[in-house]
N, C-alpha and C. Protein backbone atom coordinates (compact mmCIF):
# COMPACT_ATOMS: atom_id res chain seq x y z
N MET A 1 18.39 42.15 23.02
CA MET A 1 18.59 40.74 23.58
C MET A 1 17.64 40.14 24.04
N ALA A 2 16.53 40.91 24.91
CA ALA A 2 15.37 39.94 25.25
C ALA A 2 14.47 39.88 23.97
N LEU A 3 14.64 40.58 22.68
CA LEU A 3 13.88 40.45 21.51
C LEU A 3 14.49 39.11 20.65
N ALA A 4 15.80 38.89 20.94
CA ALA A 4 16.32 38.01 19.73
C ALA A 4 15.80 36.39 20.93
N ARG A 5 16.22 36.58 22.19
CA ARG A 5 15.54 35.40 23.15
C ARG A 5 14.02 34.72 23.04
N ARG A 6 13.39 36.23 22.71
CA ARG A 6 11.59 36.01 22.54
C ARG A 6 11.65 35.17 20.92
N PHE A 7 12.08 35.75 20.00
CA PHE A 7 12.05 35.64 18.62
C PHE A 7 12.91 34.09 18.28
N ARG A 8 13.98 33.45 19.02
CA ARG A 8 14.39 32.13 19.33
C ARG A 8 13.45 31.18 19.85
N THR A 9 12.60 31.59 20.86
CA THR A 9 11.76 30.74 21.57
C THR A 9 10.48 30.57 20.62
N LEU A 10 9.90 31.77 19.86
CA LEU A 10 9.08 31.73 18.96
C LEU A 10 9.34 30.76 18.00
N LEU A 11 10.67 30.79 17.34
CA LEU A 11 10.84 29.80 16.49
C LEU A 11 10.83 28.19 16.84
N VAL A 12 11.32 28.21 17.79
CA VAL A 12 11.63 26.58 18.50
C VAL A 12 9.85 26.22 18.88
N VAL A 13 9.43 27.07 19.44
CA VAL A 13 7.79 26.39 19.65
C VAL A 13 7.48 26.32 18.03
N ALA A 14 7.71 26.84 16.97
CA ALA A 14 6.86 27.17 15.63
C ALA A 14 7.60 26.11 15.24
N ALA A 15 8.71 25.43 15.19
CA ALA A 15 9.26 24.13 14.43
C ALA A 15 8.55 23.03 15.30
N VAL A 16 8.35 22.80 16.89
CA VAL A 16 7.77 21.96 17.72
C VAL A 16 6.18 21.90 17.12
N VAL A 17 5.48 22.67 16.98
CA VAL A 17 4.07 22.75 16.21
C VAL A 17 4.29 22.00 14.98
N LEU A 18 5.16 22.47 14.18
CA LEU A 18 4.84 22.00 12.48
C LEU A 18 5.42 20.36 12.54
N ALA A 19 6.32 20.05 13.33
CA ALA A 19 6.87 18.73 13.64
C ALA A 19 5.87 17.89 14.01
N ALA A 20 4.86 18.35 15.12
CA ALA A 20 3.98 17.74 15.49
C ALA A 20 2.33 17.79 14.57
N GLY A 21 2.21 18.89 13.86
CA GLY A 21 1.55 18.76 13.16
C GLY A 21 1.91 17.68 11.96
N GLY A 22 2.96 17.88 11.53
CA GLY A 22 3.15 16.90 10.29
C GLY A 22 3.49 15.49 10.55
N GLY A 23 3.73 15.32 11.75
CA GLY A 23 3.62 13.74 12.32
C GLY A 23 2.31 13.07 12.68
N LEU A 24 1.18 14.04 12.98
CA LEU A 24 -0.32 13.87 13.01
C LEU A 24 -0.54 13.40 11.45
N VAL A 25 -0.68 14.47 10.49
CA VAL A 25 -0.74 14.23 9.25
C VAL A 25 -0.02 12.92 8.57
N ALA A 26 0.82 12.57 8.54
CA ALA A 26 1.50 11.41 8.34
C ALA A 26 1.13 10.09 9.02
N TYR A 27 0.64 10.29 9.98
CA TYR A 27 0.18 9.38 10.92
C TYR A 27 -1.42 8.91 10.46
N LYS A 28 -2.12 9.98 9.99
CA LYS A 28 -3.51 9.91 9.81
C LYS A 28 -3.46 9.71 7.96
N MET A 29 -2.34 9.69 7.46
CA MET A 29 -2.12 9.33 5.95
C MET A 29 -1.68 7.89 5.96
N ARG A 30 -1.48 7.03 7.02
CA ARG A 30 -1.04 5.50 6.66
C ARG A 30 -2.05 4.91 5.74
N LEU A 31 -1.36 4.05 5.16
CA LEU A 31 -2.16 2.98 4.23
C LEU A 31 -2.80 1.97 5.26
N PRO A 32 -4.16 1.50 5.22
CA PRO A 32 -4.60 0.38 6.07
C PRO A 32 -3.81 -0.90 5.69
N GLN A 33 -3.53 -1.76 6.64
CA GLN A 33 -3.20 -3.03 6.22
C GLN A 33 -3.90 -4.18 5.35
N PRO A 34 -3.46 -4.84 4.60
CA PRO A 34 -4.34 -5.16 3.49
C PRO A 34 -5.01 -6.59 4.17
N GLN A 35 -6.15 -6.66 3.90
CA GLN A 35 -7.23 -7.86 4.38
C GLN A 35 -6.88 -8.82 3.66
N SER A 36 -6.33 -10.01 3.67
CA SER A 36 -6.20 -11.23 2.92
C SER A 36 -7.04 -12.18 3.46
N VAL A 37 -8.19 -12.79 2.33
CA VAL A 37 -8.71 -13.97 2.79
C VAL A 37 -8.22 -15.18 2.00
N PHE A 38 -7.14 -14.97 1.79
CA PHE A 38 -6.03 -15.93 1.03
C PHE A 38 -5.22 -16.49 2.35
N ALA A 39 -4.84 -17.80 2.43
CA ALA A 39 -3.79 -18.27 3.58
C ALA A 39 -2.89 -19.04 2.64
N ALA A 40 -1.80 -18.67 3.39
CA ALA A 40 -0.23 -19.03 2.49
C ALA A 40 -0.42 -20.70 2.49
N GLY A 41 0.02 -21.07 1.35
CA GLY A 41 -0.13 -22.63 1.23
C GLY A 41 -0.98 -23.33 0.98
N GLN A 42 -2.75 -22.53 0.58
CA GLN A 42 -3.52 -23.25 0.49
C GLN A 42 -3.98 -22.75 -1.02
N PRO A 43 -4.57 -23.55 -1.67
CA PRO A 43 -5.24 -23.79 -3.00
C PRO A 43 -5.59 -22.23 -3.56
N ALA A 44 -5.35 -21.87 -4.46
CA ALA A 44 -6.09 -20.75 -4.97
C ALA A 44 -7.35 -20.84 -5.34
N PRO A 45 -8.20 -19.66 -5.01
CA PRO A 45 -9.59 -20.18 -5.72
C PRO A 45 -9.76 -20.04 -7.18
N ASP A 46 -10.66 -20.86 -7.43
CA ASP A 46 -10.94 -21.04 -9.22
C ASP A 46 -11.15 -19.55 -9.41
N PHE A 47 -10.88 -19.41 -10.81
CA PHE A 47 -11.31 -18.18 -11.56
C PHE A 47 -10.92 -18.68 -12.96
N THR A 48 -11.74 -17.63 -13.68
CA THR A 48 -11.25 -17.41 -15.25
C THR A 48 -11.53 -16.10 -15.94
N LEU A 49 -10.24 -16.07 -16.53
CA LEU A 49 -9.79 -14.84 -17.10
C LEU A 49 -9.48 -14.95 -18.63
N ASN A 50 -9.59 -13.99 -19.19
CA ASN A 50 -8.80 -13.91 -20.66
C ASN A 50 -7.47 -13.61 -20.49
N ASP A 51 -6.69 -14.64 -21.63
CA ASP A 51 -5.49 -14.52 -21.38
C ASP A 51 -4.96 -13.58 -22.74
N GLN A 52 -3.68 -13.29 -22.85
CA GLN A 52 -2.96 -12.21 -23.91
C GLN A 52 -3.69 -12.45 -25.35
N ASP A 53 -4.60 -13.25 -25.49
CA ASP A 53 -4.80 -13.75 -27.00
C ASP A 53 -6.32 -13.84 -26.76
N GLY A 54 -7.08 -13.27 -25.69
CA GLY A 54 -8.47 -13.06 -25.72
C GLY A 54 -9.20 -14.82 -25.25
N HIS A 55 -8.44 -15.98 -25.14
CA HIS A 55 -8.90 -16.89 -24.69
C HIS A 55 -9.20 -17.13 -23.27
N PRO A 56 -10.29 -17.74 -23.09
CA PRO A 56 -10.69 -17.89 -21.33
C PRO A 56 -9.29 -18.96 -20.89
N PHE A 57 -9.20 -18.46 -19.59
CA PHE A 57 -8.15 -19.26 -18.93
C PHE A 57 -8.86 -19.55 -17.63
N HIS A 58 -8.97 -21.22 -17.29
CA HIS A 58 -9.45 -21.50 -16.09
C HIS A 58 -8.41 -22.01 -15.16
N LEU A 59 -8.35 -21.48 -14.23
CA LEU A 59 -7.65 -21.96 -13.16
C LEU A 59 -7.62 -23.60 -12.71
N ALA A 60 -9.20 -23.98 -12.49
CA ALA A 60 -9.32 -25.31 -12.37
C ALA A 60 -8.86 -26.25 -13.21
N ALA A 61 -8.53 -25.98 -14.60
CA ALA A 61 -8.00 -27.15 -15.61
C ALA A 61 -6.69 -27.09 -15.65
N GLN A 62 -5.97 -26.30 -14.49
CA GLN A 62 -4.41 -26.55 -14.28
C GLN A 62 -4.18 -27.16 -13.13
N ARG A 63 -5.28 -27.75 -12.48
CA ARG A 63 -5.00 -28.58 -11.32
C ARG A 63 -3.90 -29.62 -11.54
N GLY A 64 -2.93 -29.62 -10.55
CA GLY A 64 -2.08 -30.79 -10.68
C GLY A 64 -0.45 -30.30 -11.75
N ASN A 65 -0.45 -29.09 -11.98
CA ASN A 65 0.66 -28.67 -12.64
C ASN A 65 1.20 -27.15 -11.93
N GLY A 66 2.37 -27.20 -12.35
CA GLY A 66 2.55 -25.69 -11.76
C GLY A 66 2.22 -24.30 -12.27
N VAL A 67 1.46 -23.60 -11.70
CA VAL A 67 1.20 -22.40 -12.06
C VAL A 67 1.71 -21.39 -11.75
N LEU A 68 2.19 -19.76 -12.31
CA LEU A 68 2.77 -18.55 -11.72
C LEU A 68 1.83 -17.86 -12.24
N LEU A 69 1.16 -17.18 -11.40
CA LEU A 69 0.21 -16.20 -11.99
C LEU A 69 0.86 -14.62 -11.52
N ILE A 70 0.96 -13.80 -12.64
CA ILE A 70 1.28 -12.53 -12.44
C ILE A 70 0.04 -11.87 -12.78
N PHE A 71 -0.17 -10.67 -12.25
CA PHE A 71 -1.30 -9.77 -12.47
C PHE A 71 -0.56 -8.53 -12.59
N TYR A 72 -0.76 -7.76 -13.61
CA TYR A 72 -0.27 -6.36 -13.89
C TYR A 72 -1.40 -5.48 -14.63
N ARG A 73 -1.11 -4.28 -14.59
CA ARG A 73 -2.23 -3.65 -14.51
C ARG A 73 -2.36 -3.07 -16.26
N GLY A 74 -1.21 -3.43 -16.79
CA GLY A 74 -1.23 -3.24 -18.39
C GLY A 74 -0.77 -2.19 -18.59
N TYR A 75 -1.24 -0.94 -19.22
CA TYR A 75 -0.92 0.03 -19.80
C TYR A 75 -0.55 0.93 -18.68
N TRP A 76 0.54 1.50 -18.50
CA TRP A 76 1.06 2.51 -17.46
C TRP A 76 0.80 3.76 -18.04
């Protein structure tokens, strides 16, 4: 009877230690909040990139037009 109680207590203590350790690891692995230098509603900074055909795309040339920019990594 006493052995069963000790074993149960040991299991509870081990579960609490594991849960606390897992919580600490999860807390340390949080991703940092992204730091943005862009403000909502402000014009995007000018840049030049190649489009899908290899031609240069200048954002400044599109001023006054609606532009939707989608950046993706390409080959997954």
